[in-house]
Amino acid sequence: MNYKIKENVLSAKDLIALRDIAGWGKFPVHQIEAGLKNSLYVMSVVHGGSVVGIGRIVGDGVTVCYLQDVIVLPEYQGKGIGRAIVEHLIAHIKKNGFENTHIKVGLFTANGIEAFYEKFGFYIRPNKTRGAGMEMIITIT
C-alpha cells in the first residue's frame, strides 16, 4: 500500500473524527487542539489525501513516554499500518532519547489488542513485578 507519513500536522478535526470512529469519546475542539500542541510528537498516515491512521507520543520524552491515540480506520486495518505507526513512534523515542539511558514507554490498549503490542515488547500488567495500570477521569466544571 502506498501511503505517506506526516509529522506534527494532524488537525483537531481529523483527530476528533478518528477518536469518534474508534468509540473513544468526544472532547471539545479547543481541548483537542491544546492536546495536539502539548504532544511530544504526532504522526498521521495519509492515503489518497485522507488521514487513515494516527499516533501520538505524550510524556516528558526522556524518562517516560506514552503511546496515545494509535488509531487506524477499520477499512485500513490488517494492512500493516498499525505496525508501521507503532514502529515509527518507537523509533522516534529512541532517536530523541539520551544516549546510555533508558525510557519507560507505556500505553493503554483497547480490549483484545494486547497481543498486537506484545509483538513490540510491551508486557501485560499486572504481572509478578508490576501492578495493574490505573487511570482516573477528572471532570472539570
Protein backbone atom coordinates (compact mmCIF):
# COMPACT_ATOMS: atom_id res chain seq x y z
CA MET A 1 0.00 0.00 0.00
CA ASN A 2 1.27 3.45 -0.91
CA TYR A 3 0.86 5.87 1.99
CA LYS A 4 2.68 8.87 3.42
CA ILE A 5 3.65 9.60 6.99
CA LYS A 6 3.18 13.22 8.04
CA GLU A 7 4.67 14.61 11.23
CA ASN A 8 3.16 17.14 13.63
CA VAL A 9 0.46 18.39 11.25
CA LEU A 10 -2.61 16.41 12.37
CA SER A 11 -5.67 18.63 12.61
CA ALA A 12 -8.01 18.60 15.58
CA LYS A 13 -10.82 17.79 13.15
CA ASP A 14 -9.07 14.61 11.96
CA LEU A 15 -8.20 13.50 15.50
CA ILE A 16 -11.79 14.06 16.64
CA ALA A 17 -13.12 12.08 13.67
CA LEU A 18 -10.78 9.14 14.27
CA ARG A 19 -11.46 9.08 18.03
CA ASP A 20 -15.18 9.07 17.23
CA ILE A 21 -14.80 6.14 14.80
CA ALA A 22 -12.81 4.27 17.48
CA GLY A 23 -15.57 4.98 20.03
CA TRP A 24 -13.20 6.75 22.39
CA GLY A 25 -15.41 9.67 23.38
CA LYS A 26 -15.53 13.28 22.44
CA PHE A 27 -13.60 16.31 23.56
CA PRO A 28 -14.22 19.93 22.54
CA VAL A 29 -12.12 21.20 19.62
CA HIS A 30 -10.13 23.63 21.80
CA GLN A 31 -9.17 20.78 24.15
CA ILE A 32 -8.03 18.56 21.26
CA GLU A 33 -6.05 21.46 19.76
CA ALA A 34 -4.26 22.02 23.08
CA GLY A 35 -3.62 18.28 23.43
CA LEU A 36 -2.05 18.14 19.98
CA LYS A 37 0.06 21.20 20.71
CA ASN A 38 1.26 19.72 24.00
CA SER A 39 2.10 16.32 22.49
CA LEU A 40 5.75 15.42 22.14
CA TYR A 41 5.17 14.02 18.68
CA VAL A 42 2.17 13.48 16.41
CA MET A 43 2.10 11.41 13.25
CA SER A 44 -0.55 10.70 10.69
CA VAL A 45 -0.73 8.15 7.93
CA VAL A 46 -2.26 9.58 4.77
CA HIS A 47 -3.60 7.60 1.82
CA GLY A 48 -5.27 9.27 -1.13
CA GLY A 49 -5.31 12.62 0.66
CA SER A 50 -7.17 11.29 3.72
CA VAL A 51 -5.85 10.53 7.19
CA VAL A 52 -6.27 6.77 7.69
CA GLY A 53 -4.18 6.30 10.84
CA ILE A 54 -2.63 8.30 13.64
CA GLY A 55 -0.43 8.02 16.69
CA ARG A 56 0.93 10.38 19.33
CA ILE A 57 3.66 10.38 21.94
CA VAL A 58 2.98 12.14 25.23
CA GLY A 59 5.18 12.39 28.32
CA ASP A 60 8.46 14.07 29.13
CA GLY A 61 10.38 12.46 26.28
CA VAL A 62 13.43 11.41 28.28
CA THR A 63 12.29 9.26 31.22
CA VAL A 64 8.74 8.30 30.28
CA CYS A 65 6.67 8.34 27.12
CA TYR A 66 3.21 7.03 26.39
CA LEU A 67 1.85 5.97 23.05
CA GLN A 68 -1.51 7.63 22.73
CA ASP A 69 -4.34 7.61 20.20
CA VAL A 70 -2.95 4.85 17.98
CA ILE A 71 -5.91 4.54 15.62
CA VAL A 72 -6.29 3.02 12.16
CA LEU A 73 -9.55 3.31 10.24
CA PRO A 74 -11.32 -0.07 10.21
CA GLU A 75 -11.11 -0.45 6.42
CA TYR A 76 -7.31 0.01 6.61
CA GLN A 77 -6.70 -2.41 9.48
CA GLY A 78 -4.80 -5.59 8.74
CA LYS A 79 -2.63 -3.88 6.11
CA GLY A 80 0.41 -3.17 8.32
CA ILE A 81 -0.45 0.46 9.06
CA GLY A 82 -0.84 -0.04 12.81
CA ARG A 83 2.51 -1.85 12.91
CA ALA A 84 4.11 0.98 10.91
CA ILE A 85 2.69 3.58 13.31
CA VAL A 86 3.99 1.83 16.43
CA GLU A 87 7.40 1.16 14.84
CA HIS A 88 7.63 4.81 13.79
CA LEU A 89 6.68 6.06 17.27
CA ILE A 90 9.21 3.76 18.97
CA ALA A 91 11.93 4.82 16.50
CA HIS A 92 11.16 8.47 17.29
CA ILE A 93 11.50 7.81 21.03
CA LYS A 94 14.83 6.01 20.54
CA LYS A 95 16.17 8.74 18.25
CA ASN A 96 15.35 11.52 20.71
CA GLY A 97 16.30 9.84 24.00
CA PHE A 98 19.55 10.35 25.86
CA GLU A 99 22.38 8.00 24.97
CA ASN A 100 23.20 5.28 27.53
CA THR A 101 19.90 5.69 29.39
CA HIS A 102 16.50 4.04 29.26
CA ILE A 103 12.98 5.34 28.75
CA LYS A 104 9.82 3.74 30.10
CA VAL A 105 7.23 3.52 27.31
CA GLY A 106 3.65 2.82 28.30
CA LEU A 107 0.23 2.69 26.73
CA PHE A 108 -3.37 1.78 27.39
CA THR A 109 -4.75 -0.70 24.93
CA ALA A 110 -8.29 -1.42 23.87
CA ASN A 111 -9.62 -4.80 25.00
CA GLY A 112 -8.39 -7.67 22.88
CA ILE A 113 -5.48 -5.78 21.29
CA GLU A 114 -2.82 -6.72 23.84
CA ALA A 115 -1.22 -9.39 21.61
CA PHE A 116 -0.60 -6.76 18.92
CA TYR A 117 1.51 -4.68 21.33
CA GLU A 118 3.27 -7.70 22.83
CA LYS A 119 4.92 -8.20 19.41
CA PHE A 120 6.83 -4.96 20.05
CA GLY A 121 7.97 -5.95 23.54
CA PHE A 122 5.18 -4.44 25.64
CA TYR A 123 4.08 -6.64 28.53
CA ILE A 124 0.73 -7.02 30.19
CA ARG A 125 0.10 -5.66 33.66
CA PRO A 126 -0.44 -6.83 36.28
CA ASN A 127 2.32 -9.40 36.42
CA LYS A 128 4.72 -10.72 39.08
CA THR A 129 6.67 -7.48 39.40
CA ARG A 130 4.26 -4.77 38.24
CA GLY A 131 0.77 -3.88 39.42
CA ALA A 132 -2.19 -3.08 37.23
CA GLY A 133 -2.18 0.11 35.20
CA MET A 134 -4.62 2.61 36.61
CA GLU A 135 -6.41 5.72 35.49
CA MET A 136 -8.96 8.20 36.70
CA ILE A 137 -11.07 10.74 34.90
CA ILE A 138 -11.46 14.17 36.43
CA THR A 139 -14.45 16.28 35.48
CA ILE A 140 -13.63 19.98 35.50
CA THR A 141 -16.57 22.31 35.93
